[in-house]
Amino acid sequence: MIFAGVVGDYSQLAYEWPHDVPVRISAAVRQRRIDVVNRYGTPKDNPEFWAKLSANSYLRDLSGPLQLHIGTADKEVPTEFHTRLAQRLRDLQKPVASYVYPNDDHNLSRNLNVALERSVAWFKRYL
């Protein structure tokens, strides 16, 4: 189960994440990212390297269902990350429940009770 998760692959994270998203990454982690890009290139320069690091490259290996939630007014995580992951899972015939909440924020403030009810039902069904 993933609520408003950063579920894009490295190419999406590098090129499709809006630059106006507040960055809460420490200076040490930012420097490590610079070092890795300097050593291995960008996702466009070296897609094979970055694909090996991305959990999205291993979706075929999922052995259980996944439930995804996101609000369309999320200012931190692009909705497209969610919808693209859900479609990739469907393409792989993996069990996925995808919930997109119109005009809701990153915390699903307007639909939190609905999201939690769906989550409890999901846990009861699969666990």
Protein backbone atom coordinates (compact mmCIF):
# COMPACT_ATOMS: atom_id res chain seq x y z
CA MET A 1 0.00 0.00 0.00
CA ILE A 2 1.40 3.35 -1.04
CA PHE A 3 -0.09 6.73 -0.14
CA ALA A 4 1.11 9.59 -2.38
CA GLY A 5 4.37 7.77 -2.96
CA VAL A 6 7.34 8.85 -5.01
CA VAL A 7 6.89 5.86 -7.30
CA GLY A 8 8.53 7.15 -10.46
CA ASP A 9 11.59 5.57 -11.99
CA TYR A 10 14.83 7.57 -12.02
CA SER A 11 14.14 9.07 -15.44
CA GLN A 12 10.78 10.36 -14.22
CA LEU A 13 12.35 11.69 -11.03
CA ALA A 14 15.09 13.48 -12.94
CA TYR A 15 13.06 14.93 -15.79
CA GLU A 16 9.37 14.99 -14.87
CA TRP A 17 9.34 16.13 -11.26
CA PRO A 18 8.46 19.84 -11.16
CA HIS A 19 11.38 21.99 -10.08
CA ASP A 20 9.16 24.05 -7.78
CA VAL A 21 8.61 21.10 -5.45
CA PRO A 22 10.10 21.90 -2.04
CA VAL A 23 13.33 19.97 -1.61
CA ARG A 24 13.87 18.41 1.81
CA ILE A 25 17.04 16.55 1.00
CA SER A 26 20.15 17.02 3.09
CA ALA A 27 23.27 18.57 1.61
CA ALA A 28 25.12 15.26 2.05
CA VAL A 29 22.52 13.35 0.04
CA ARG A 30 22.48 16.05 -2.67
CA GLN A 31 26.26 15.80 -2.91
CA ARG A 32 26.06 12.01 -3.16
CA ARG A 33 23.61 12.38 -6.05
CA ILE A 34 26.02 14.75 -7.81
CA ASP A 35 28.85 12.27 -7.28
CA VAL A 36 26.80 9.37 -8.70
CA VAL A 37 25.76 11.38 -11.77
CA ASN A 38 29.36 12.47 -12.33
CA ARG A 39 30.50 8.85 -12.15
CA TYR A 40 27.67 7.07 -14.03
CA GLY A 41 25.96 9.79 -16.05
CA THR A 42 22.34 10.87 -16.05
CA PRO A 43 19.39 8.56 -16.66
CA LYS A 44 19.42 9.72 -20.30
CA ASP A 45 23.19 9.09 -20.62
CA ASN A 46 23.18 5.69 -18.94
CA PRO A 47 19.62 4.28 -18.73
CA GLU A 48 20.81 0.72 -18.03
CA PHE A 49 22.60 1.78 -14.84
CA TRP A 50 19.64 3.75 -13.54
CA ALA A 51 17.17 1.02 -14.46
CA LYS A 52 19.12 -1.42 -12.26
CA LEU A 53 18.62 0.93 -9.30
CA SER A 54 14.92 1.53 -9.85
CA ALA A 55 12.38 -0.62 -8.01
CA ASN A 56 10.13 -0.06 -11.04
CA SER A 57 12.45 -2.27 -13.09
CA TYR A 58 11.49 -5.23 -10.92
CA LEU A 59 7.70 -4.95 -10.94
CA ARG A 60 7.48 -8.33 -12.64
CA ASP A 61 8.86 -9.82 -9.41
CA LEU A 62 6.01 -8.58 -7.21
CA SER A 63 4.31 -11.52 -5.57
CA GLY A 64 1.37 -9.76 -3.97
CA PRO A 65 -1.21 -7.06 -4.60
CA LEU A 66 -0.52 -3.35 -4.38
CA GLN A 67 -2.86 -0.53 -3.44
CA LEU A 68 -2.04 3.05 -4.53
CA HIS A 69 -3.59 6.34 -3.37
CA ILE A 70 -2.92 9.90 -4.58
CA GLY A 71 -4.66 13.26 -4.77
CA THR A 72 -4.72 15.28 -7.99
CA ALA A 73 -3.82 18.47 -6.10
CA ASP A 74 -0.70 16.91 -4.57
CA LYS A 75 2.00 19.59 -4.81
CA GLU A 76 4.79 17.21 -3.79
CA VAL A 77 4.32 14.12 -5.96
CA PRO A 78 3.09 14.29 -9.56
CA THR A 79 -0.09 12.28 -10.10
CA GLU A 80 1.45 10.95 -13.31
CA PHE A 81 3.97 8.90 -11.27
CA HIS A 82 1.03 7.08 -9.67
CA THR A 83 -0.99 6.57 -12.85
CA ARG A 84 2.00 5.36 -14.84
CA LEU A 85 2.96 2.84 -12.14
CA ALA A 86 -0.63 1.58 -11.93
CA GLN A 87 -0.74 1.12 -15.70
CA ARG A 88 2.60 -0.71 -15.75
CA LEU A 89 1.32 -3.07 -13.07
CA ARG A 90 -1.87 -3.71 -15.05
CA ASP A 91 0.19 -4.33 -18.18
CA LEU A 92 2.12 -6.96 -16.22
CA GLN A 93 -1.20 -8.39 -14.99
CA LYS A 94 -0.28 -7.66 -11.38
CA PRO A 95 -3.12 -7.08 -8.93
CA VAL A 96 -3.33 -3.35 -8.27
CA ALA A 97 -5.98 -1.06 -6.85
CA SER A 98 -5.45 2.55 -7.91
CA TYR A 99 -7.32 5.39 -6.21
CA VAL A 100 -7.01 8.95 -7.48
CA TYR A 101 -8.77 11.57 -5.38
CA PRO A 102 -9.79 14.67 -7.37
CA ASN A 103 -8.65 17.99 -5.88
CA ASP A 104 -7.08 16.35 -2.84
CA ASP A 105 -3.64 17.16 -1.46
CA HIS A 106 -0.56 15.12 -0.58
CA ASN A 107 -2.07 14.10 2.77
CA LEU A 108 -5.42 13.14 1.23
CA SER A 109 -6.96 15.53 3.75
CA ARG A 110 -10.34 15.64 2.02
CA ASN A 111 -10.61 11.87 1.51
CA LEU A 112 -8.54 10.39 4.30
CA ASN A 113 -11.43 8.46 5.86
CA VAL A 114 -12.31 6.91 2.48
CA ALA A 115 -8.67 6.03 1.83
CA LEU A 116 -8.31 4.46 5.27
CA GLU A 117 -11.53 2.47 4.85
CA ARG A 118 -10.25 1.17 1.53
CA SER A 119 -6.95 0.30 3.17
CA VAL A 120 -8.58 -1.64 6.00
CA ALA A 121 -10.73 -3.56 3.51
CA TRP A 122 -7.60 -4.33 1.47
CA PHE A 123 -5.76 -5.64 4.52
CA LYS A 124 -8.74 -7.78 5.50
CA ARG A 125 -8.90 -9.22 2.01
CA TYR A 126 -5.20 -9.97 1.51
CA LEU A 127 -3.68 -10.47 4.96
